N, C-alpha and C. Protein backbone atom coordinates (compact mmCIF):
# COMPACT_ATOMS: atom_id res chain seq x y z
N MET A 1 7.28 25.96 13.73
CA MET A 1 8.48 26.17 13.08
C MET A 1 8.21 25.81 11.43
N THR A 2 8.65 26.43 10.46
CA THR A 2 8.72 26.28 9.27
C THR A 2 9.58 25.21 8.78
N ARG A 3 9.12 24.07 7.98
CA ARG A 3 10.02 23.06 7.57
C ARG A 3 10.94 23.44 6.46
N ARG A 4 12.07 22.94 6.46
CA ARG A 4 13.12 23.49 5.46
C ARG A 4 13.04 22.31 4.55
N ILE A 5 12.82 22.55 3.17
CA ILE A 5 12.88 21.58 2.16
C ILE A 5 14.19 21.33 1.81
N PRO A 6 14.86 20.06 1.60
CA PRO A 6 16.03 19.77 1.04
C PRO A 6 16.47 20.05 -0.29
N ILE A 7 17.75 20.36 -0.57
CA ILE A 7 18.07 20.49 -1.86
C ILE A 7 18.93 19.53 -2.20
N LEU A 8 18.58 18.70 -3.21
CA LEU A 8 19.35 17.72 -3.86
C LEU A 8 19.94 17.85 -5.13
N SER A 9 21.07 17.37 -5.37
CA SER A 9 21.77 17.50 -6.73
C SER A 9 20.97 16.60 -7.82
N PRO A 10 20.88 17.10 -9.05
CA PRO A 10 20.25 15.96 -9.98
C PRO A 10 20.86 14.62 -10.19
N ASN A 11 22.01 14.46 -9.78
CA ASN A 11 22.71 13.17 -9.84
C ASN A 11 23.03 12.49 -8.41
N GLU A 12 22.23 12.95 -7.53
CA GLU A 12 22.28 12.56 -5.99
C GLU A 12 22.19 11.07 -5.95
N ASP A 13 22.69 10.32 -5.22
CA ASP A 13 22.80 8.86 -5.28
C ASP A 13 21.68 8.48 -4.21
N LEU A 14 21.35 7.15 -3.91
CA LEU A 14 20.45 6.65 -3.12
C LEU A 14 20.76 6.86 -1.65
N ASN A 15 21.90 7.26 -1.25
CA ASN A 15 22.23 7.80 0.08
C ASN A 15 21.56 8.94 0.58
N SER A 16 20.61 9.44 -0.23
CA SER A 16 19.78 10.75 0.16
C SER A 16 18.45 10.21 0.56
N LYS A 17 18.23 8.69 0.56
CA LYS A 17 16.99 8.14 0.81
C LYS A 17 16.44 8.79 2.21
N LYS A 18 17.35 8.73 3.20
CA LYS A 18 17.19 9.07 4.58
C LYS A 18 16.44 10.59 4.65
N THR A 19 17.06 11.23 3.84
CA THR A 19 16.91 12.72 3.74
C THR A 19 15.39 12.79 3.23
N ILE A 20 15.18 12.02 2.18
CA ILE A 20 13.98 12.20 1.36
C ILE A 20 12.76 11.77 2.30
N TYR A 21 12.93 10.69 2.96
CA TYR A 21 11.98 10.01 3.71
C TYR A 21 11.68 11.02 5.04
N LYS A 22 12.76 11.51 5.47
CA LYS A 22 12.59 12.45 6.75
C LYS A 22 11.72 13.66 6.38
N SER A 23 11.95 14.14 5.07
CA SER A 23 11.16 15.37 4.38
C SER A 23 9.78 14.86 4.09
N LEU A 24 9.56 13.78 3.69
CA LEU A 24 8.17 13.18 3.35
C LEU A 24 7.38 13.29 4.91
N VAL A 25 8.04 12.47 5.85
CA VAL A 25 7.39 12.35 7.08
C VAL A 25 6.85 13.74 7.70
N GLU A 26 7.86 14.78 7.58
CA GLU A 26 7.70 16.10 8.10
C GLU A 26 6.51 16.87 7.39
N GLY A 27 6.75 16.60 6.00
CA GLY A 27 5.87 17.40 5.11
C GLY A 27 4.46 16.79 5.22
N VAL A 28 4.19 15.51 5.23
CA VAL A 28 2.82 14.94 5.61
C VAL A 28 2.35 15.45 6.87
N SER A 29 3.15 15.37 7.96
CA SER A 29 2.64 15.88 9.31
C SER A 29 2.24 17.29 9.23
N GLU A 30 2.83 18.14 8.42
CA GLU A 30 2.73 19.61 8.29
C GLU A 30 1.43 19.82 7.36
N ALA A 31 1.34 18.94 6.45
CA ALA A 31 0.09 19.15 5.51
C ALA A 31 -1.20 18.65 6.17
N ILE A 32 -1.15 17.59 7.07
CA ILE A 32 -2.26 17.26 7.70
C ILE A 32 -2.89 18.33 8.65
N LYS A 33 -2.00 19.08 9.27
CA LYS A 33 -2.27 20.08 10.30
C LYS A 33 -3.01 21.38 9.43
N ASP A 34 -2.26 21.66 8.30
CA ASP A 34 -2.60 22.85 7.46
C ASP A 34 -3.74 22.52 6.46
N ASP A 35 -4.07 21.16 6.44
CA ASP A 35 -5.09 20.77 5.40
C ASP A 35 -4.85 20.99 3.94
N ARG A 36 -3.61 20.41 3.68
CA ARG A 36 -3.03 20.70 2.25
C ARG A 36 -3.21 19.52 1.57
N ASP A 37 -3.15 19.43 0.15
CA ASP A 37 -3.51 18.09 -0.52
C ASP A 37 -2.20 17.81 -1.44
N LYS A 38 -1.14 18.50 -1.19
CA LYS A 38 0.17 18.32 -1.85
C LYS A 38 1.31 18.67 -1.11
N ILE A 39 2.40 17.89 -1.07
CA ILE A 39 3.73 18.45 -0.37
C ILE A 39 4.93 18.56 -1.26
N LYS A 40 5.84 19.32 -0.95
CA LYS A 40 7.18 19.36 -1.46
C LYS A 40 8.06 18.45 -0.78
N ILE A 41 8.81 17.42 -1.42
CA ILE A 41 9.66 16.71 -0.72
C ILE A 41 11.17 17.31 -0.75
N CYS A 42 11.53 17.74 -2.08
CA CYS A 42 12.80 18.33 -2.14
C CYS A 42 12.98 19.30 -3.16
N GLU A 43 14.01 20.07 -3.51
CA GLU A 43 14.17 20.91 -4.45
C GLU A 43 15.31 20.29 -5.20
N ILE A 44 15.33 20.30 -6.54
CA ILE A 44 16.44 19.99 -7.37
C ILE A 44 17.42 21.02 -7.58
N LYS A 45 18.58 20.97 -7.23
CA LYS A 45 19.56 22.18 -7.06
C LYS A 45 19.81 22.59 -8.57
N ASN A 46 19.65 23.91 -8.58
CA ASN A 46 19.82 24.64 -9.99
C ASN A 46 18.83 24.41 -11.04
N GLN A 47 17.88 23.71 -10.67
CA GLN A 47 16.90 23.46 -11.71
C GLN A 47 15.51 24.07 -11.54
N ASN A 48 15.32 24.80 -10.41
CA ASN A 48 14.06 25.38 -10.10
C ASN A 48 12.93 24.49 -9.98
N MET A 49 13.16 23.26 -9.70
CA MET A 49 12.13 22.16 -9.81
C MET A 49 11.95 21.58 -8.40
N TYR A 50 10.77 21.06 -8.09
CA TYR A 50 10.50 20.50 -6.85
C TYR A 50 10.02 19.02 -6.88
N VAL A 51 10.32 18.10 -6.29
CA VAL A 51 9.55 16.87 -6.05
C VAL A 51 8.48 16.80 -5.13
N THR A 52 7.17 16.78 -5.69
CA THR A 52 6.01 16.84 -4.84
C THR A 52 5.29 15.40 -4.88
N VAL A 53 4.60 15.32 -3.75
CA VAL A 53 3.69 14.15 -3.50
C VAL A 53 2.26 14.59 -3.11
N GLU A 54 1.35 14.18 -3.79
CA GLU A 54 -0.12 14.45 -3.69
C GLU A 54 -0.74 13.61 -2.74
N LYS A 55 -1.64 14.22 -2.18
CA LYS A 55 -2.41 13.39 -0.99
C LYS A 55 -2.74 12.01 -1.23
N LYS A 56 -3.27 11.81 -2.45
CA LYS A 56 -3.69 10.44 -2.86
C LYS A 56 -2.48 9.21 -2.66
N ASP A 57 -1.24 9.80 -2.80
CA ASP A 57 -0.01 9.15 -2.88
C ASP A 57 0.79 8.98 -1.57
N TRP A 58 0.19 9.74 -0.59
CA TRP A 58 0.83 9.81 0.85
C TRP A 58 0.86 8.52 1.59
N LYS A 59 -0.07 7.65 1.56
CA LYS A 59 -0.03 6.41 2.27
C LYS A 59 1.06 5.54 1.60
N GLU A 60 1.06 5.46 0.38
CA GLU A 60 1.94 4.36 -0.18
C GLU A 60 3.45 5.03 -0.09
N SER A 61 3.56 6.28 0.03
CA SER A 61 4.89 6.87 0.18
C SER A 61 5.34 6.66 1.63
N LEU A 62 4.33 6.82 2.58
CA LEU A 62 4.74 6.52 4.02
C LEU A 62 5.01 5.08 4.23
N ASP A 63 4.21 4.29 3.54
CA ASP A 63 4.58 2.66 3.62
C ASP A 63 5.87 2.38 3.23
N LYS A 64 6.54 2.98 2.25
CA LYS A 64 7.74 2.64 1.90
C LYS A 64 8.87 3.35 2.77
N ALA A 65 8.40 4.57 3.36
CA ALA A 65 9.41 5.17 4.31
C ALA A 65 9.36 4.36 5.67
N LEU A 66 8.09 3.65 5.98
CA LEU A 66 8.04 2.76 7.01
C LEU A 66 9.12 1.55 6.85
N GLU A 67 8.97 0.89 5.82
CA GLU A 67 9.88 -0.18 5.46
C GLU A 67 11.31 0.24 5.61
N PHE A 68 11.66 1.39 5.03
CA PHE A 68 13.11 1.93 5.19
C PHE A 68 13.49 2.12 6.77
N TYR A 69 12.64 2.61 7.47
CA TYR A 69 12.89 2.81 8.83
C TYR A 69 12.95 1.57 9.81
N ILE A 70 12.15 0.73 9.35
CA ILE A 70 12.25 -0.66 10.02
C ILE A 70 13.53 -1.28 9.68
N TYR A 71 14.01 -1.37 8.42
CA TYR A 71 15.28 -1.85 8.17
C TYR A 71 16.34 -1.19 8.79
N LYS A 72 16.17 0.18 9.10
CA LYS A 72 17.40 0.87 9.68
C LYS A 72 17.36 0.74 11.21
N GLU A 73 16.06 0.10 11.67
CA GLU A 73 15.83 -0.20 13.07
C GLU A 73 15.53 1.13 13.73
N GLU A 74 15.09 2.10 13.11
CA GLU A 74 14.72 3.49 13.72
C GLU A 74 13.16 3.52 14.18
N TYR A 75 13.01 2.70 15.16
CA TYR A 75 11.59 2.51 15.59
C TYR A 75 10.67 3.82 15.90
N GLU A 76 11.42 4.79 16.39
CA GLU A 76 10.79 6.13 16.86
C GLU A 76 10.16 6.72 15.60
N GLU A 77 10.97 6.69 14.43
CA GLU A 77 10.41 7.22 13.25
C GLU A 77 9.30 6.37 12.71
N CYS A 78 9.41 4.99 13.03
CA CYS A 78 8.34 4.07 12.65
C CYS A 78 6.86 4.35 13.39
N SER A 79 7.13 4.70 14.77
CA SER A 79 5.92 5.18 15.22
C SER A 79 5.25 6.47 14.73
N LYS A 80 6.21 7.31 14.56
CA LYS A 80 5.51 8.66 13.76
C LYS A 80 4.91 8.30 12.57
N ILE A 81 5.44 7.51 11.72
CA ILE A 81 4.76 7.18 10.52
C ILE A 81 3.50 6.40 10.70
N LYS A 82 3.46 5.42 11.55
CA LYS A 82 2.19 4.79 11.78
C LYS A 82 1.06 5.66 12.27
N ASP A 83 1.47 6.71 13.14
CA ASP A 83 0.48 7.58 13.55
C ASP A 83 0.05 8.50 12.41
N LEU A 84 0.67 8.86 11.47
CA LEU A 84 0.44 9.60 10.28
C LEU A 84 -0.50 8.86 9.35
N ILE A 85 -0.22 7.60 9.25
CA ILE A 85 -0.98 6.84 8.31
C ILE A 85 -2.38 6.64 8.87
N ASP A 86 -2.37 6.49 10.32
CA ASP A 86 -3.59 6.45 11.00
C ASP A 86 -4.66 7.65 10.83
N LYS A 87 -3.85 8.78 10.61
CA LYS A 87 -4.59 9.95 10.59
C LYS A 87 -5.05 10.28 9.00
N LEU A 88 -4.55 9.52 8.10
CA LEU A 88 -4.96 9.84 6.70
C LEU A 88 -6.32 9.08 6.53
């Protein structure tokens, strides 16, 4: 299944964190399978721009996502993230 990249407004508030972290986890998972070195996290609405993360930054980004999901007590996501970090 092809991943849907979320579209965010330029002035989106931090409530979109969950959307961004979810896209990050899905993107890294897909990129590991497809052996890519960069992922798109989201598109900026009406700007024709994407927020991307390069492979060298995936671990740090996943660590931040892990902190977020631990705080939210969403441990199933934490498990997925730990598995991805181990694959890097």
